[in-house]
């Protein structure tokens, strides 16, 4: 993620307040066969993720969307489709644009080569990064969010499940 401006991030409460969120939620419901309550909850968690990403940039920590956060990533993609709303949200809440930078195929292949060459070192690096990110989520948003993002959501919204409910 890259910030286009340096500024302080709003409070979490302010980040959770989003104009036009009904359209974003309806768009997600159109793309995925989920209830309105589910879509609202996923969007709420996505706004928390965006707030955390903005806040982490200020401290020099780069967060990444890992597999357990797949449904949050899908909602983020959905939010980005509403470019005007997404841009206004980012600029009004964070005074910067939160970019979505997926891992490229070449970067994935390079990582796999490193894994094949020395899996112990690469797994150790990954574990250190993962623990740091989990710790940051816990410190900023609490145990309930960690459990929701890394236990509840990946169980309920697995990759295969998301692929089957996609319209």
C-alpha atoms as a PDB file:
ATOM      1  CA  UNK A   1       0.000   0.000   0.000  1.00  0.00           C
ATOM      2  CA  UNK A   2       1.257   3.448  -0.869  1.00  0.00           C
ATOM      3  CA  UNK A   3       0.013   6.727   0.559  1.00  0.00           C
ATOM      4  CA  UNK A   4      -0.237   9.697  -1.755  1.00  0.00           C
ATOM      5  CA  UNK A   5      -0.155  12.175   1.132  1.00  0.00           C
ATOM      6  CA  UNK A   6       1.188  12.098   4.667  1.00  0.00           C
ATOM      7  CA  UNK A   7      -1.402  12.790   7.341  1.00  0.00           C
ATOM      8  CA  UNK A   8      -2.816  11.328  10.489  1.00  0.00           C
ATOM      9  CA  UNK A   9      -5.546   8.742  10.384  1.00  0.00           C
ATOM     10  CA  UNK A  10      -8.994   9.409  11.800  1.00  0.00           C
ATOM     11  CA  UNK A  11     -10.359   7.524  14.777  1.00  0.00           C
ATOM     12  CA  UNK A  12     -11.762   4.051  14.264  1.00  0.00           C
ATOM     13  CA  UNK A  13     -15.236   5.366  15.056  1.00  0.00           C
ATOM     14  CA  UNK A  14     -14.900   7.942  12.260  1.00  0.00           C
ATOM     15  CA  UNK A  15     -13.595   5.308   9.850  1.00  0.00           C
ATOM     16  CA  UNK A  16     -16.640   3.119  10.456  1.00  0.00           C
ATOM     17  CA  UNK A  17     -18.954   5.954   9.388  1.00  0.00           C
ATOM     18  CA  UNK A  18     -19.216   5.714   5.607  1.00  0.00           C
ATOM     19  CA  UNK A  19     -21.465   7.595   3.202  1.00  0.00           C
ATOM     20  CA  UNK A  20     -23.160   5.582   0.447  1.00  0.00           C
ATOM     21  CA  UNK A  21     -22.327   2.311   2.161  1.00  0.00           C
ATOM     22  CA  UNK A  22     -25.754   0.914   1.266  1.00  0.00           C
ATOM     23  CA  UNK A  23     -24.728   0.909  -2.408  1.00  0.00           C
ATOM     24  CA  UNK A  24     -21.451  -0.850  -1.651  1.00  0.00           C
ATOM     25  CA  UNK A  25     -23.280  -3.432   0.469  1.00  0.00           C
ATOM     26  CA  UNK A  26     -25.921  -3.991  -2.208  1.00  0.00           C
ATOM     27  CA  UNK A  27     -23.167  -4.411  -4.794  1.00  0.00           C
ATOM     28  CA  UNK A  28     -21.536  -7.094  -2.674  1.00  0.00           C
ATOM     29  CA  UNK A  29     -24.871  -8.833  -2.215  1.00  0.00           C
ATOM     30  CA  UNK A  30     -25.312  -8.779  -5.999  1.00  0.00           C
ATOM     31  CA  UNK A  31     -21.898 -10.366  -6.554  1.00  0.00           C
ATOM     32  CA  UNK A  32     -22.151 -12.879  -3.697  1.00  0.00           C
ATOM     33  CA  UNK A  33     -25.119 -14.773  -2.374  1.00  0.00           C
ATOM     34  CA  UNK A  34     -24.923 -13.393   1.176  1.00  0.00           C
ATOM     35  CA  UNK A  35     -27.571 -11.824   3.367  1.00  0.00           C
ATOM     36  CA  UNK A  36     -27.673  -8.103   4.002  1.00  0.00           C
ATOM     37  CA  UNK A  37     -26.576  -8.705   7.603  1.00  0.00           C
ATOM     38  CA  UNK A  38     -23.543 -10.689   6.397  1.00  0.00           C
ATOM     39  CA  UNK A  39     -22.623  -8.048   3.815  1.00  0.00           C
ATOM     40  CA  UNK A  40     -22.946  -5.293   6.428  1.00  0.00           C
ATOM     41  CA  UNK A  41     -20.705  -7.187   8.849  1.00  0.00           C
ATOM     42  CA  UNK A  42     -18.088  -7.875   6.169  1.00  0.00           C
ATOM     43  CA  UNK A  43     -18.117  -4.212   5.123  1.00  0.00           C
ATOM     44  CA  UNK A  44     -17.734  -3.121   8.748  1.00  0.00           C
ATOM     45  CA  UNK A  45     -14.676  -5.363   9.058  1.00  0.00           C
ATOM     46  CA  UNK A  46     -13.306  -4.070   5.749  1.00  0.00           C
ATOM     47  CA  UNK A  47     -13.522  -0.483   7.011  1.00  0.00           C
ATOM     48  CA  UNK A  48     -11.631  -1.622  10.115  1.00  0.00           C
ATOM     49  CA  UNK A  49      -8.999  -3.192   7.840  1.00  0.00           C
ATOM     50  CA  UNK A  50      -8.665   0.022   5.827  1.00  0.00           C
ATOM     51  CA  UNK A  51      -8.327   2.064   9.027  1.00  0.00           C
ATOM     52  CA  UNK A  52      -5.680  -0.329  10.302  1.00  0.00           C
ATOM     53  CA  UNK A  53      -3.822  -0.225   6.970  1.00  0.00           C
ATOM     54  CA  UNK A  54      -3.815   3.582   7.016  1.00  0.00           C
ATOM     55  CA  UNK A  55      -2.687   3.654  10.636  1.00  0.00           C
ATOM     56  CA  UNK A  56       0.027   1.061  10.083  1.00  0.00           C
ATOM     57  CA  UNK A  57       1.566   3.122   7.279  1.00  0.00           C
ATOM     58  CA  UNK A  58       2.147   5.920   9.775  1.00  0.00           C
ATOM     59  CA  UNK A  59       4.138   3.557  11.967  1.00  0.00           C
ATOM     60  CA  UNK A  60       6.097   2.093   9.052  1.00  0.00           C
ATOM     61  CA  UNK A  61       4.408  -1.309   9.181  1.00  0.00           C
ATOM     62  CA  UNK A  62       3.160  -2.741   5.893  1.00  0.00           C
ATOM     63  CA  UNK A  63       0.155  -4.997   6.360  1.00  0.00           C
ATOM     64  CA  UNK A  64      -0.814  -7.642   3.877  1.00  0.00           C
ATOM     65  CA  UNK A  65      -4.035  -9.443   3.112  1.00  0.00           C
ATOM     66  CA  UNK A  66      -3.403 -13.077   3.893  1.00  0.00           C
ATOM     67  CA  UNK A  67      -5.632 -16.044   3.111  1.00  0.00           C
ATOM     68  CA  UNK A  68      -7.823 -15.811   6.245  1.00  0.00           C
ATOM     69  CA  UNK A  69      -8.785 -12.265   5.197  1.00  0.00           C
ATOM     70  CA  UNK A  70     -10.032 -13.321   1.766  1.00  0.00           C
ATOM     71  CA  UNK A  71     -13.626 -12.166   2.329  1.00  0.00           C
ATOM     72  CA  UNK A  72     -12.378  -8.765   3.515  1.00  0.00           C
ATOM     73  CA  UNK A  73     -10.266  -8.572   0.360  1.00  0.00           C
ATOM     74  CA  UNK A  74     -13.330  -9.403  -1.748  1.00  0.00           C
ATOM     75  CA  UNK A  75     -15.318  -6.618  -0.061  1.00  0.00           C
ATOM     76  CA  UNK A  76     -12.376  -4.261  -0.566  1.00  0.00           C
ATOM     77  CA  UNK A  77     -12.414  -5.107  -4.295  1.00  0.00           C
ATOM     78  CA  UNK A  78     -16.152  -4.442  -4.293  1.00  0.00           C
ATOM     79  CA  UNK A  79     -15.666  -1.076  -2.532  1.00  0.00           C
ATOM     80  CA  UNK A  80     -13.000  -0.071  -5.058  1.00  0.00           C
ATOM     81  CA  UNK A  81     -15.511  -0.658  -7.878  1.00  0.00           C
ATOM     82  CA  UNK A  82     -17.389   2.339  -6.469  1.00  0.00           C
ATOM     83  CA  UNK A  83     -14.353   4.472  -7.246  1.00  0.00           C
ATOM     84  CA  UNK A  84     -15.878   7.832  -6.402  1.00  0.00           C
ATOM     85  CA  UNK A  85     -17.160   6.580  -3.033  1.00  0.00           C
ATOM     86  CA  UNK A  86     -13.901   4.770  -2.303  1.00  0.00           C
ATOM     87  CA  UNK A  87     -11.732   7.764  -3.177  1.00  0.00           C
ATOM     88  CA  UNK A  88     -13.895  10.136  -1.105  1.00  0.00           C
ATOM     89  CA  UNK A  89     -13.872   7.710   1.807  1.00  0.00           C
ATOM     90  CA  UNK A  90     -10.084   7.357   1.785  1.00  0.00           C
ATOM     91  CA  UNK A  91      -9.390  11.061   1.408  1.00  0.00           C
ATOM     92  CA  UNK A  92     -12.009  12.129   3.967  1.00  0.00           C
ATOM     93  CA  UNK A  93     -11.058   9.525   6.572  1.00  0.00           C
ATOM     94  CA  UNK A  94      -7.326   9.068   6.084  1.00  0.00           C
ATOM     95  CA  UNK A  95      -6.259  12.123   4.054  1.00  0.00           C
ATOM     96  CA  UNK A  96      -4.667   9.684   1.638  1.00  0.00           C
ATOM     97  CA  UNK A  97      -5.634   7.008  -0.820  1.00  0.00           C
ATOM     98  CA  UNK A  98      -5.226   3.425   0.370  1.00  0.00           C
ATOM     99  CA  UNK A  99      -4.001   1.548  -2.682  1.00  0.00           C
ATOM    100  CA  UNK A 100      -4.697  -2.110  -3.270  1.00  0.00           C
ATOM    101  CA  UNK A 101      -1.567  -3.756  -4.599  1.00  0.00           C
ATOM    102  CA  UNK A 102      -2.075  -7.480  -5.221  1.00  0.00           C
ATOM    103  CA  UNK A 103       0.946  -9.732  -5.394  1.00  0.00           C
ATOM    104  CA  UNK A 104       2.005 -10.188  -8.998  1.00  0.00           C
ATOM    105  CA  UNK A 105       2.476 -13.584 -10.601  1.00  0.00           C
ATOM    106  CA  UNK A 106       6.232 -12.967 -10.925  1.00  0.00           C
ATOM    107  CA  UNK A 107       6.499 -12.070  -7.213  1.00  0.00           C
ATOM    108  CA  UNK A 108       4.572 -15.220  -6.284  1.00  0.00           C
ATOM    109  CA  UNK A 109       6.869 -17.294  -8.495  1.00  0.00           C
ATOM    110  CA  UNK A 110       9.976 -15.669  -7.003  1.00  0.00           C
ATOM    111  CA  UNK A 111       8.669 -16.379  -3.496  1.00  0.00           C
ATOM    112  CA  UNK A 112       7.972 -20.000  -4.446  1.00  0.00           C
ATOM    113  CA  UNK A 113      11.529 -20.347  -5.772  1.00  0.00           C
ATOM    114  CA  UNK A 114      12.870 -19.054  -2.455  1.00  0.00           C
ATOM    115  CA  UNK A 115      10.600 -21.497  -0.630  1.00  0.00           C
ATOM    116  CA  UNK A 116      11.847 -24.370  -2.769  1.00  0.00           C
ATOM    117  CA  UNK A 117      15.493 -23.383  -2.176  1.00  0.00           C
ATOM    118  CA  UNK A 118      15.303 -22.858   1.569  1.00  0.00           C
ATOM    119  CA  UNK A 119      11.881 -23.514   3.095  1.00  0.00           C
ATOM    120  CA  UNK A 120      13.055 -23.246   6.708  1.00  0.00           C
ATOM    121  CA  UNK A 121      14.340 -19.681   6.318  1.00  0.00           C
ATOM    122  CA  UNK A 122      11.331 -18.555   4.268  1.00  0.00           C
ATOM    123  CA  UNK A 123       8.819 -20.078   6.678  1.00  0.00           C
ATOM    124  CA  UNK A 124      10.659 -18.443   9.565  1.00  0.00           C
ATOM    125  CA  UNK A 125      10.475 -15.038   7.818  1.00  0.00           C
ATOM    126  CA  UNK A 126       6.770 -15.566   7.085  1.00  0.00           C
ATOM    127  CA  UNK A 127       6.031 -16.581  10.687  1.00  0.00           C
ATOM    128  CA  UNK A 128       7.797 -13.495  12.021  1.00  0.00           C
ATOM    129  CA  UNK A 129       5.839 -11.206   9.664  1.00  0.00           C
ATOM    130  CA  UNK A 130       2.563 -13.001  10.398  1.00  0.00           C
ATOM    131  CA  UNK A 131       3.056 -12.767  14.172  1.00  0.00           C
ATOM    132  CA  UNK A 132       3.898  -9.078  13.878  1.00  0.00           C
ATOM    133  CA  UNK A 133       0.724  -8.433  11.878  1.00  0.00           C
ATOM    134  CA  UNK A 134      -1.470 -10.477  14.256  1.00  0.00           C
ATOM    135  CA  UNK A 135       0.037  -8.651  17.191  1.00  0.00           C
ATOM    136  CA  UNK A 136      -0.678  -5.301  15.558  1.00  0.00           C
ATOM    137  CA  UNK A 137      -4.293  -6.280  14.850  1.00  0.00           C
ATOM    138  CA  UNK A 138      -4.660  -7.457  18.446  1.00  0.00           C
ATOM    139  CA  UNK A 139      -3.104  -4.293  19.890  1.00  0.00           C
ATOM    140  CA  UNK A 140      -5.236  -1.949  17.779  1.00  0.00           C
ATOM    141  CA  UNK A 141      -8.539  -3.826  17.439  1.00  0.00           C
ATOM    142  CA  UNK A 142      -8.530  -6.503  20.136  1.00  0.00           C
ATOM    143  CA  UNK A 143      -8.866 -10.250  20.444  1.00  0.00           C
ATOM    144  CA  UNK A 144     -12.419 -10.323  19.087  1.00  0.00           C
ATOM    145  CA  UNK A 145     -11.274  -8.906  15.747  1.00  0.00           C
ATOM    146  CA  UNK A 146      -8.311 -11.281  15.546  1.00  0.00           C
ATOM    147  CA  UNK A 147     -10.651 -14.220  16.158  1.00  0.00           C
ATOM    148  CA  UNK A 148     -13.219 -12.967  13.649  1.00  0.00           C
ATOM    149  CA  UNK A 149     -10.654 -12.320  10.930  1.00  0.00           C
ATOM    150  CA  UNK A 150      -8.474 -15.385  11.462  1.00  0.00           C
ATOM    151  CA  UNK A 151     -10.898 -18.012  12.789  1.00  0.00           C
ATOM    152  CA  UNK A 152     -14.542 -17.156  12.058  1.00  0.00           C
ATOM    153  CA  UNK A 153     -14.295 -15.561   8.602  1.00  0.00           C
ATOM    154  CA  UNK A 154     -11.924 -18.122   7.014  1.00  0.00           C
ATOM    155  CA  UNK A 155     -14.119 -20.939   8.302  1.00  0.00           C
ATOM    156  CA  UNK A 156     -17.353 -19.347   7.132  1.00  0.00           C
ATOM    157  CA  UNK A 157     -16.005 -17.746   3.931  1.00  0.00           C
ATOM    158  CA  UNK A 158     -13.387 -20.164   2.620  1.00  0.00           C
ATOM    159  CA  UNK A 159     -12.009 -19.801  -0.898  1.00  0.00           C
ATOM    160  CA  UNK A 160     -14.164 -22.665  -2.144  1.00  0.00           C
ATOM    161  CA  UNK A 161     -17.259 -21.249  -0.455  1.00  0.00           C
ATOM    162  CA  UNK A 162     -16.691 -17.782  -1.940  1.00  0.00           C
ATOM    163  CA  UNK A 163     -16.275 -19.344  -5.377  1.00  0.00           C
ATOM    164  CA  UNK A 164     -19.553 -21.233  -5.040  1.00  0.00           C
ATOM    165  CA  UNK A 165     -21.588 -18.232  -3.852  1.00  0.00           C
ATOM    166  CA  UNK A 166     -20.202 -15.824  -6.429  1.00  0.00           C
ATOM    167  CA  UNK A 167     -22.858 -14.833  -8.923  1.00  0.00           C
END
